[in-house]
Amino acid sequence: MDLESFKTSLSAAVPPEGVRPLLRALWLDAKGDFAGAHAIAQDVEDADGALVHAYLHRKEGDLSNADYWYRRARETPVRGSLSAEWEALVQRFLR
């Protein structure tokens, strides 16, 4: 699966079968299900989970909480567009 096919899958009612949890979280986020996306990111207790968690808090406007999660992920806080960050995360987890 590539970025474009992942984006196309957003027209479906359910995420593509077999996608990793963090991709499922990003899929749910794109569909407007912050709570579902957040629950998944919260359950992935590694740097990748922290990075998605940071993105989600940045998207909701909670920058101090987002910065905490970027630090947990050992990543520089992103300040570019949310859509570009979402796409970069999807591409990262599709590899």
PDB file of N, CA and C in Angstrom:
ATOM      1  N   MET A   1       0.852  -1.171   0.000  1.00  0.00           N
ATOM      2  CA  MET A   1       0.000   0.000   0.000  1.00  0.00           C
ATOM      3  C   MET A   1       0.901   1.238   0.000  1.00  0.00           C
ATOM      4  N   ASP A   2       0.493   2.251  -0.730  1.00  0.00           N
ATOM      5  CA  ASP A   2       1.221   3.515  -0.746  1.00  0.00           C
ATOM      6  C   ASP A   2       0.313   4.614  -0.197  1.00  0.00           C
ATOM      7  N   LEU A   3       0.852   5.830  -0.125  1.00  0.00           N
ATOM      8  CA  LEU A   3       0.110   6.946   0.442  1.00  0.00           C
ATOM      9  C   LEU A   3      -1.212   7.169  -0.287  1.00  0.00           C
ATOM     10  N   GLU A   4      -1.198   7.147  -1.599  1.00  0.00           N
ATOM     11  CA  GLU A   4      -2.425   7.422  -2.360  1.00  0.00           C
ATOM     12  C   GLU A   4      -3.487   6.359  -2.122  1.00  0.00           C
ATOM     13  N   SER A   5      -3.096   5.092  -2.081  1.00  0.00           N
ATOM     14  CA  SER A   5      -4.101   4.057  -1.830  1.00  0.00           C
ATOM     15  C   SER A   5      -4.610   4.142  -0.389  1.00  0.00           C
ATOM     16  N   PHE A   6      -3.749   4.553   0.537  1.00  0.00           N
ATOM     17  CA  PHE A   6      -4.191   4.748   1.915  1.00  0.00           C
ATOM     18  C   PHE A   6      -5.214   5.883   1.968  1.00  0.00           C
ATOM     19  N   LYS A   7      -4.933   6.969   1.262  1.00  0.00           N
ATOM     20  CA  LYS A   7      -5.885   8.083   1.223  1.00  0.00           C
ATOM     21  C   LYS A   7      -7.203   7.654   0.576  1.00  0.00           C
ATOM     22  N   THR A   8      -7.125   6.861  -0.478  1.00  0.00           N
ATOM     23  CA  THR A   8      -8.333   6.375  -1.146  1.00  0.00           C
ATOM     24  C   THR A   8      -9.177   5.531  -0.201  1.00  0.00           C
ATOM     25  N   SER A   9      -8.495   4.790   0.691  1.00  0.00           N
ATOM     26  CA  SER A   9      -9.217   3.930   1.632  1.00  0.00           C
ATOM     27  C   SER A   9     -10.081   4.732   2.603  1.00  0.00           C
ATOM     28  N   LEU A  10      -9.840   6.031   2.701  1.00  0.00           N
ATOM     29  CA  LEU A  10     -10.624   6.868   3.612  1.00  0.00           C
ATOM     30  C   LEU A  10     -12.091   6.985   3.184  1.00  0.00           C
ATOM     31  N   SER A  11     -12.395   6.592   1.954  1.00  0.00           N
ATOM     32  CA  SER A  11     -13.790   6.615   1.514  1.00  0.00           C
ATOM     33  C   SER A  11     -14.559   5.389   2.008  1.00  0.00           C
ATOM     34  N   ALA A  12     -13.854   4.416   2.551  1.00  0.00           N
ATOM     35  CA  ALA A  12     -14.490   3.208   3.076  1.00  0.00           C
ATOM     36  C   ALA A  12     -14.995   3.445   4.499  1.00  0.00           C
ATOM     37  N   ALA A  13     -15.833   2.542   4.962  1.00  0.00           N
ATOM     38  CA  ALA A  13     -16.394   2.654   6.309  1.00  0.00           C
ATOM     39  C   ALA A  13     -15.450   2.129   7.384  1.00  0.00           C
ATOM     40  N   VAL A  14     -14.514   1.277   6.973  1.00  0.00           N
ATOM     41  CA  VAL A  14     -13.573   0.695   7.927  1.00  0.00           C
ATOM     42  C   VAL A  14     -12.156   0.793   7.356  1.00  0.00           C
ATOM     43  N   PRO A  15     -11.150   0.794   8.238  1.00  0.00           N
ATOM     44  CA  PRO A  15      -9.766   0.859   7.754  1.00  0.00           C
ATOM     45  C   PRO A  15      -9.406  -0.381   6.940  1.00  0.00           C
ATOM     46  N   PRO A  16      -8.382  -0.263   6.119  1.00  0.00           N
ATOM     47  CA  PRO A  16      -7.940  -1.439   5.357  1.00  0.00           C
ATOM     48  C   PRO A  16      -7.529  -2.567   6.305  1.00  0.00           C
ATOM     49  N   GLU A  17      -7.789  -3.789   5.899  1.00  0.00           N
ATOM     50  CA  GLU A  17      -7.416  -4.936   6.721  1.00  0.00           C
ATOM     51  C   GLU A  17      -5.898  -5.025   6.848  1.00  0.00           C
ATOM     52  N   GLY A  18      -5.468  -5.392   8.038  1.00  0.00           N
ATOM     53  CA  GLY A  18      -4.057  -5.669   8.249  1.00  0.00           C
ATOM     54  C   GLY A  18      -3.166  -4.464   8.470  1.00  0.00           C
ATOM     55  N   VAL A  19      -3.723  -3.258   8.515  1.00  0.00           N
ATOM     56  CA  VAL A  19      -2.851  -2.104   8.749  1.00  0.00           C
ATOM     57  C   VAL A  19      -2.385  -2.102  10.199  1.00  0.00           C
ATOM     58  N   ARG A  20      -1.166  -1.668  10.392  1.00  0.00           N
ATOM     59  CA  ARG A  20      -0.595  -1.579  11.729  1.00  0.00           C
ATOM     60  C   ARG A  20      -1.417  -0.607  12.577  1.00  0.00           C
ATOM     61  N   PRO A  21      -1.358  -0.773  13.905  1.00  0.00           N
ATOM     62  CA  PRO A  21      -2.173   0.071  14.788  1.00  0.00           C
ATOM     63  C   PRO A  21      -1.997   1.577  14.565  1.00  0.00           C
ATOM     64  N   LEU A  22      -0.773   2.045  14.373  1.00  0.00           N
ATOM     65  CA  LEU A  22      -0.590   3.491  14.219  1.00  0.00           C
ATOM     66  C   LEU A  22      -1.161   3.997  12.900  1.00  0.00           C
ATOM     67  N   LEU A  23      -1.141   3.168  11.868  1.00  0.00           N
ATOM     68  CA  LEU A  23      -1.809   3.550  10.617  1.00  0.00           C
ATOM     69  C   LEU A  23      -3.318   3.582  10.821  1.00  0.00           C
ATOM     70  N   ARG A  24      -3.824   2.638  11.596  1.00  0.00           N
ATOM     71  CA  ARG A  24      -5.259   2.649  11.924  1.00  0.00           C
ATOM     72  C   ARG A  24      -5.607   3.937  12.671  1.00  0.00           C
ATOM     73  N   ALA A  25      -4.740   4.345  13.593  1.00  0.00           N
ATOM     74  CA  ALA A  25      -4.970   5.588  14.340  1.00  0.00           C
ATOM     75  C   ALA A  25      -5.016   6.782  13.393  1.00  0.00           C
ATOM     76  N   LEU A  26      -4.088   6.839  12.460  1.00  0.00           N
ATOM     77  CA  LEU A  26      -4.058   7.956  11.509  1.00  0.00           C
ATOM     78  C   LEU A  26      -5.262   7.913  10.569  1.00  0.00           C
ATOM     79  N   TRP A  27      -5.705   6.719  10.230  1.00  0.00           N
ATOM     80  CA  TRP A  27      -6.905   6.565   9.401  1.00  0.00           C
ATOM     81  C   TRP A  27      -8.112   7.102  10.160  1.00  0.00           C
ATOM     82  N   LEU A  28      -8.254   6.689  11.432  1.00  0.00           N
ATOM     83  CA  LEU A  28      -9.369   7.172  12.247  1.00  0.00           C
ATOM     84  C   LEU A  28      -9.320   8.689  12.410  1.00  0.00           C
ATOM     85  N   ASP A  29      -8.121   9.217  12.619  1.00  0.00           N
ATOM     86  CA  ASP A  29      -7.972  10.670  12.735  1.00  0.00           C
ATOM     87  C   ASP A  29      -8.477  11.367  11.481  1.00  0.00           C
ATOM     88  N   ALA A  30      -8.092  10.855  10.329  1.00  0.00           N
ATOM     89  CA  ALA A  30      -8.514  11.477   9.070  1.00  0.00           C
ATOM     90  C   ALA A  30     -10.029  11.397   8.888  1.00  0.00           C
ATOM     91  N   LYS A  31     -10.657  10.413   9.506  1.00  0.00           N
ATOM     92  CA  LYS A  31     -12.108  10.255   9.436  1.00  0.00           C
ATOM     93  C   LYS A  31     -12.824  11.059  10.522  1.00  0.00           C
ATOM     94  N   GLY A  32     -12.052  11.772  11.361  1.00  0.00           N
ATOM     95  CA  GLY A  32     -12.652  12.614  12.381  1.00  0.00           C
ATOM     96  C   GLY A  32     -12.851  11.942  13.730  1.00  0.00           C
ATOM     97  N   ASP A  33     -12.291  10.763  13.908  1.00  0.00           N
ATOM     98  CA  ASP A  33     -12.444  10.024  15.160  1.00  0.00           C
ATOM     99  C   ASP A  33     -11.211  10.235  16.037  1.00  0.00           C
ATOM    100  N   PHE A  34     -11.125  11.427  16.650  1.00  0.00           N
ATOM    101  CA  PHE A  34      -9.985  11.740  17.508  1.00  0.00           C
ATOM    102  C   PHE A  34      -9.882  10.759  18.662  1.00  0.00           C
ATOM    103  N   ALA A  35     -10.995  10.460  19.308  1.00  0.00           N
ATOM    104  CA  ALA A  35     -10.968   9.577  20.481  1.00  0.00           C
ATOM    105  C   ALA A  35     -10.433   8.197  20.124  1.00  0.00           C
ATOM    106  N   GLY A  36     -10.879   7.648  19.016  1.00  0.00           N
ATOM    107  CA  GLY A  36     -10.389   6.338  18.586  1.00  0.00           C
ATOM    108  C   GLY A  36      -8.917   6.366  18.241  1.00  0.00           C
ATOM    109  N   ALA A  37      -8.496   7.418  17.533  1.00  0.00           N
ATOM    110  CA  ALA A  37      -7.088   7.557  17.165  1.00  0.00           C
ATOM    111  C   ALA A  37      -6.222   7.721  18.413  1.00  0.00           C
ATOM    112  N   HIS A  38      -6.698   8.532  19.335  1.00  0.00           N
ATOM    113  CA  HIS A  38      -5.947   8.798  20.568  1.00  0.00           C
ATOM    114  C   HIS A  38      -5.816   7.528  21.406  1.00  0.00           C
ATOM    115  N   ALA A  39      -6.866   6.746  21.496  1.00  0.00           N
ATOM    116  CA  ALA A  39      -6.828   5.508  22.273  1.00  0.00           C
ATOM    117  C   ALA A  39      -5.776   4.552  21.722  1.00  0.00           C
ATOM    118  N   ILE A  40      -5.679   4.459  20.420  1.00  0.00           N
ATOM    119  CA  ILE A  40      -4.673   3.581  19.808  1.00  0.00           C
ATOM    120  C   ILE A  40      -3.272   4.108  20.084  1.00  0.00           C
ATOM    121  N   ALA A  41      -3.047   5.390  19.823  1.00  0.00           N
ATOM    122  CA  ALA A  41      -1.712   5.973  20.019  1.00  0.00           C
ATOM    123  C   ALA A  41      -1.266   5.821  21.472  1.00  0.00           C
ATOM    124  N   GLN A  42      -2.192   5.976  22.380  1.00  0.00           N
ATOM    125  CA  GLN A  42      -1.902   5.869  23.805  1.00  0.00           C
ATOM    126  C   GLN A  42      -1.456   4.459  24.188  1.00  0.00           C
ATOM    127  N   ASP A  43      -1.953   3.455  23.457  1.00  0.00           N
ATOM    128  CA  ASP A  43      -1.631   2.061  23.760  1.00  0.00           C
ATOM    129  C   ASP A  43      -0.324   1.587  23.137  1.00  0.00           C
ATOM    130  N   VAL A  44       0.245   2.371  22.221  1.00  0.00           N
ATOM    131  CA  VAL A  44       1.522   1.997  21.597  1.00  0.00           C
ATOM    132  C   VAL A  44       2.625   2.704  22.385  1.00  0.00           C
ATOM    133  N   GLU A  45       3.303   1.945  23.215  1.00  0.00           N
ATOM    134  CA  GLU A  45       4.223   2.537  24.183  1.00  0.00           C
ATOM    135  C   GLU A  45       5.668   2.561  23.685  1.00  0.00           C
ATOM    136  N   ASP A  46       5.861   3.118  22.498  1.00  0.00           N
ATOM    137  CA  ASP A  46       7.209   3.309  21.985  1.00  0.00           C
ATOM    138  C   ASP A  46       7.301   4.696  21.363  1.00  0.00           C
ATOM    139  N   ALA A  47       8.449   5.004  20.775  1.00  0.00           N
ATOM    140  CA  ALA A  47       8.661   6.341  20.206  1.00  0.00           C
ATOM    141  C   ALA A  47       7.674   6.637  19.078  1.00  0.00           C
ATOM    142  N   ASP A  48       7.324   5.636  18.277  1.00  0.00           N
ATOM    143  CA  ASP A  48       6.364   5.864  17.194  1.00  0.00           C
ATOM    144  C   ASP A  48       4.987   6.212  17.749  1.00  0.00           C
ATOM    145  N   GLY A  49       4.570   5.512  18.789  1.00  0.00           N
ATOM    146  CA  GLY A  49       3.294   5.828  19.428  1.00  0.00           C
ATOM    147  C   GLY A  49       3.300   7.231  20.001  1.00  0.00           C
ATOM    148  N   ALA A  50       4.420   7.613  20.612  1.00  0.00           N
ATOM    149  CA  ALA A  50       4.548   8.961  21.169  1.00  0.00           C
ATOM    150  C   ALA A  50       4.467  10.011  20.062  1.00  0.00           C
ATOM    151  N   LEU A  51       5.033   9.694  18.901  1.00  0.00           N
ATOM    152  CA  LEU A  51       5.011  10.648  17.791  1.00  0.00           C
ATOM    153  C   LEU A  51       3.590  10.874  17.271  1.00  0.00           C
ATOM    154  N   VAL A  52       2.831   9.814  17.130  1.00  0.00           N
ATOM    155  CA  VAL A  52       1.436   9.967  16.693  1.00  0.00           C
ATOM    156  C   VAL A  52       0.641  10.680  17.781  1.00  0.00           C
ATOM    157  N   HIS A  53       0.917  10.346  19.014  1.00  0.00           N
ATOM    158  CA  HIS A  53       0.265  11.010  20.148  1.00  0.00           C
ATOM    159  C   HIS A  53       0.543  12.518  20.100  1.00  0.00           C
ATOM    160  N   ALA A  54       1.790  12.887  19.811  1.00  0.00           N
ATOM    161  CA  ALA A  54       2.162  14.304  19.703  1.00  0.00           C
ATOM    162  C   ALA A  54       1.370  14.985  18.592  1.00  0.00           C
ATOM    163  N   TYR A  55       1.324  14.348  17.427  1.00  0.00           N
ATOM    164  CA  TYR A  55       0.577  14.901  16.290  1.00  0.00           C
ATOM    165  C   TYR A  55      -0.888  15.153  16.681  1.00  0.00           C
ATOM    166  N   LEU A  56      -1.494  14.163  17.334  1.00  0.00           N
ATOM    167  CA  LEU A  56      -2.910  14.292  17.695  1.00  0.00           C
ATOM    168  C   LEU A  56      -3.145  15.453  18.655  1.00  0.00           C
ATOM    169  N   HIS A  57      -2.260  15.617  19.630  1.00  0.00           N
ATOM    170  CA  HIS A  57      -2.434  16.736  20.567  1.00  0.00           C
ATOM    171  C   HIS A  57      -2.157  18.077  19.891  1.00  0.00           C
ATOM    172  N   ARG A  58      -1.220  18.086  18.953  1.00  0.00           N
ATOM    173  CA  ARG A  58      -0.979  19.322  18.199  1.00  0.00           C
ATOM    174  C   ARG A  58      -2.225  19.672  17.388  1.00  0.00           C
ATOM    175  N   LYS A  59      -2.826  18.662  16.791  1.00  0.00           N
ATOM    176  CA  LYS A  59      -4.017  18.895  15.978  1.00  0.00           C
ATOM    177  C   LYS A  59      -5.166  19.447  16.824  1.00  0.00           C
ATOM    178  N   GLU A  60      -5.293  18.981  18.068  1.00  0.00           N
ATOM    179  CA  GLU A  60      -6.381  19.491  18.913  1.00  0.00           C
ATOM    180  C   GLU A  60      -6.043  20.846  19.513  1.00  0.00           C
ATOM    181  N   GLY A  61      -4.812  21.327  19.289  1.00  0.00           N
ATOM    182  CA  GLY A  61      -4.426  22.653  19.755  1.00  0.00           C
ATOM    183  C   GLY A  61      -3.741  22.677  21.110  1.00  0.00           C
ATOM    184  N   ASP A  62      -3.442  21.510  21.656  1.00  0.00           N
ATOM    185  CA  ASP A  62      -2.782  21.409  22.960  1.00  0.00           C
ATOM    186  C   ASP A  62      -1.269  21.291  22.743  1.00  0.00           C
ATOM    187  N   LEU A  63      -0.630  22.439  22.456  1.00  0.00           N
ATOM    188  CA  LEU A  63       0.781  22.423  22.069  1.00  0.00           C
ATOM    189  C   LEU A  63       1.713  22.006  23.197  1.00  0.00           C
ATOM    190  N   SER A  64       1.405  22.353  24.432  1.00  0.00           N
ATOM    191  CA  SER A  64       2.304  21.950  25.520  1.00  0.00           C
ATOM    192  C   SER A  64       2.271  20.436  25.689  1.00  0.00           C
ATOM    193  N   ASN A  65       1.120  19.829  25.577  1.00  0.00           N
ATOM    194  CA  ASN A  65       1.019  18.369  25.652  1.00  0.00           C
ATOM    195  C   ASN A  65       1.683  17.738  24.428  1.00  0.00           C
ATOM    196  N   ALA A  66       1.481  18.325  23.269  1.00  0.00           N
ATOM    197  CA  ALA A  66       2.132  17.822  22.058  1.00  0.00           C
ATOM    198  C   ALA A  66       3.649  17.855  22.217  1.00  0.00           C
ATOM    199  N   ASP A  67       4.174  18.958  22.727  1.00  0.00           N
ATOM    200  CA  ASP A  67       5.627  19.071  22.907  1.00  0.00           C
ATOM    201  C   ASP A  67       6.154  18.007  23.852  1.00  0.00           C
ATOM    202  N   TYR A  68       5.392  17.694  24.897  1.00  0.00           N
ATOM    203  CA  TYR A  68       5.776  16.616  25.814  1.00  0.00           C
ATOM    204  C   TYR A  68       5.921  15.308  25.044  1.00  0.00           C
ATOM    205  N   TRP A  69       4.952  14.991  24.174  1.00  0.00           N
ATOM    206  CA  TRP A  69       4.993  13.733  23.422  1.00  0.00           C
ATOM    207  C   TRP A  69       6.075  13.741  22.352  1.00  0.00           C
ATOM    208  N   TYR A  70       6.352  14.901  21.744  1.00  0.00           N
ATOM    209  CA  TYR A  70       7.490  14.966  20.814  1.00  0.00           C
ATOM    210  C   TYR A  70       8.788  14.649  21.565  1.00  0.00           C
ATOM    211  N   ARG A  71       8.925  15.174  22.786  1.00  0.00           N
ATOM    212  CA  ARG A  71      10.123  14.858  23.582  1.00  0.00           C
ATOM    213  C   ARG A  71      10.185  13.364  23.890  1.00  0.00           C
ATOM    214  N   ARG A  72       9.060  12.774  24.236  1.00  0.00           N
ATOM    215  CA  ARG A  72       9.025  11.328  24.509  1.00  0.00           C
ATOM    216  C   ARG A  72       9.422  10.523  23.267  1.00  0.00           C
ATOM    217  N   ALA A  73       9.087  11.062  22.102  1.00  0.00           N
ATOM    218  CA  ALA A  73       9.439  10.402  20.838  1.00  0.00           C
ATOM    219  C   ALA A  73      10.877  10.712  20.410  1.00  0.00           C
ATOM    220  N   ARG A  74      11.512  11.620  21.146  1.00  0.00           N
ATOM    221  CA  ARG A  74      12.861  12.085  20.804  1.00  0.00           C
ATOM    222  C   ARG A  74      12.896  12.708  19.402  1.00  0.00           C
ATOM    223  N   GLU A  75      11.879  13.524  19.148  1.00  0.00           N
ATOM    224  CA  GLU A  75      11.738  14.211  17.859  1.00  0.00           C
ATOM    225  C   GLU A  75      11.569  15.704  18.099  1.00  0.00           C
ATOM    226  N   THR A  76      11.998  16.493  17.135  1.00  0.00           N
ATOM    227  CA  THR A  76      11.796  17.932  17.179  1.00  0.00           C
ATOM    228  C   THR A  76      10.315  18.223  16.918  1.00  0.00           C
ATOM    229  N   PRO A  77       9.696  19.078  17.716  1.00  0.00           N
ATOM    230  CA  PRO A  77       8.287  19.404  17.463  1.00  0.00           C
ATOM    231  C   PRO A  77       8.076  19.930  16.045  1.00  0.00           C
ATOM    232  N   VAL A  78       7.030  19.456  15.425  1.00  0.00           N
ATOM    233  CA  VAL A  78       6.685  19.878  14.069  1.00  0.00           C
ATOM    234  C   VAL A  78       5.850  21.138  14.177  1.00  0.00           C
ATOM    235  N   ARG A  79       6.137  22.094  13.330  1.00  0.00           N
ATOM    236  CA  ARG A  79       5.361  23.335  13.323  1.00  0.00           C
ATOM    237  C   ARG A  79       4.808  23.644  11.937  1.00  0.00           C
ATOM    238  N   GLY A  80       5.003  22.723  10.998  1.00  0.00           N
ATOM    239  CA  GLY A  80       4.459  22.889   9.651  1.00  0.00           C
ATOM    240  C   GLY A  80       2.978  22.548   9.630  1.00  0.00           C
ATOM    241  N   SER A  81       2.468  22.308   8.451  1.00  0.00           N
ATOM    242  CA  SER A  81       1.037  22.031   8.320  1.00  0.00           C
ATOM    243  C   SER A  81       0.703  20.663   8.900  1.00  0.00           C
ATOM    244  N   LEU A  82      -0.481  20.577   9.448  1.00  0.00           N
ATOM    245  CA  LEU A  82      -0.951  19.305   9.995  1.00  0.00           C
ATOM    246  C   LEU A  82      -1.095  18.256   8.896  1.00  0.00           C
ATOM    247  N   SER A  83      -1.553  18.669   7.734  1.00  0.00           N
ATOM    248  CA  SER A  83      -1.727  17.699   6.643  1.00  0.00           C
ATOM    249  C   SER A  83      -0.383  17.135   6.192  1.00  0.00           C
ATOM    250  N   ALA A  84       0.647  17.966   6.164  1.00  0.00           N
ATOM    251  CA  ALA A  84       1.977  17.478   5.779  1.00  0.00           C
ATOM    252  C   ALA A  84       2.516  16.521   6.838  1.00  0.00           C
ATOM    253  N   GLU A  85       2.271  16.835   8.105  1.00  0.00           N
ATOM    254  CA  GLU A  85       2.722  15.939   9.171  1.00  0.00           C
ATOM    255  C   GLU A  85       1.971  14.607   9.087  1.00  0.00           C
ATOM    256  N   TRP A  86       0.667  14.659   8.862  1.00  0.00           N
ATOM    257  CA  TRP A  86      -0.127  13.434   8.732  1.00  0.00           C
ATOM    258  C   TRP A  86       0.424  12.569   7.605  1.00  0.00           C
ATOM    259  N   GLU A  87       0.662  13.183   6.435  1.00  0.00           N
ATOM    260  CA  GLU A  87       1.184  12.428   5.300  1.00  0.00           C
ATOM    261  C   GLU A  87       2.555  11.832   5.598  1.00  0.00           C
ATOM    262  N   ALA A  88       3.422  12.598   6.256  1.00  0.00           N
ATOM    263  CA  ALA A  88       4.761  12.088   6.607  1.00  0.00           C
ATOM    264  C   ALA A  88       4.649  10.901   7.556  1.00  0.00           C
ATOM    265  N   LEU A  89       3.736  10.989   8.514  1.00  0.00           N
ATOM    266  CA  LEU A  89       3.543   9.870   9.441  1.00  0.00           C
ATOM    267  C   LEU A  89       3.018   8.635   8.715  1.00  0.00           C
ATOM    268  N   VAL A  90       2.034   8.827   7.856  1.00  0.00           N
ATOM    269  CA  VAL A  90       1.494   7.693   7.093  1.00  0.00           C
ATOM    270  C   VAL A  90       2.614   7.051   6.278  1.00  0.00           C
ATOM    271  N   GLN A  91       3.381   7.847   5.571  1.00  0.00           N
ATOM    272  CA  GLN A  91       4.469   7.299   4.751  1.00  0.00           C
ATOM    273  C   GLN A  91       5.492   6.561   5.624  1.00  0.00           C
ATOM    274  N   ARG A  92       5.796   7.096   6.778  1.00  0.00           N
ATOM    275  CA  ARG A  92       6.745   6.466   7.704  1.00  0.00           C
ATOM    276  C   ARG A  92       6.254   5.062   8.098  1.00  0.00           C
ATOM    277  N   PHE A  93       4.972   4.943   8.399  1.00  0.00           N
ATOM    278  CA  PHE A  93       4.455   3.659   8.879  1.00  0.00           C
ATOM    279  C   PHE A  93       4.070   2.704   7.762  1.00  0.00           C
ATOM    280  N   LEU A  94       4.005   3.200   6.538  1.00  0.00           N
ATOM    281  CA  LEU A  94       3.760   2.316   5.395  1.00  0.00           C
ATOM    282  C   LEU A  94       5.042   1.581   4.973  1.00  0.00           C
ATOM    283  N   ARG A  95       6.176   2.096   5.401  1.00  0.00           N
ATOM    284  CA  ARG A  95       7.455   1.446   5.012  1.00  0.00           C
ATOM    285  C   ARG A  95       7.605   0.117   5.675  1.00  0.00           C
TER     286      ARG A  95
END
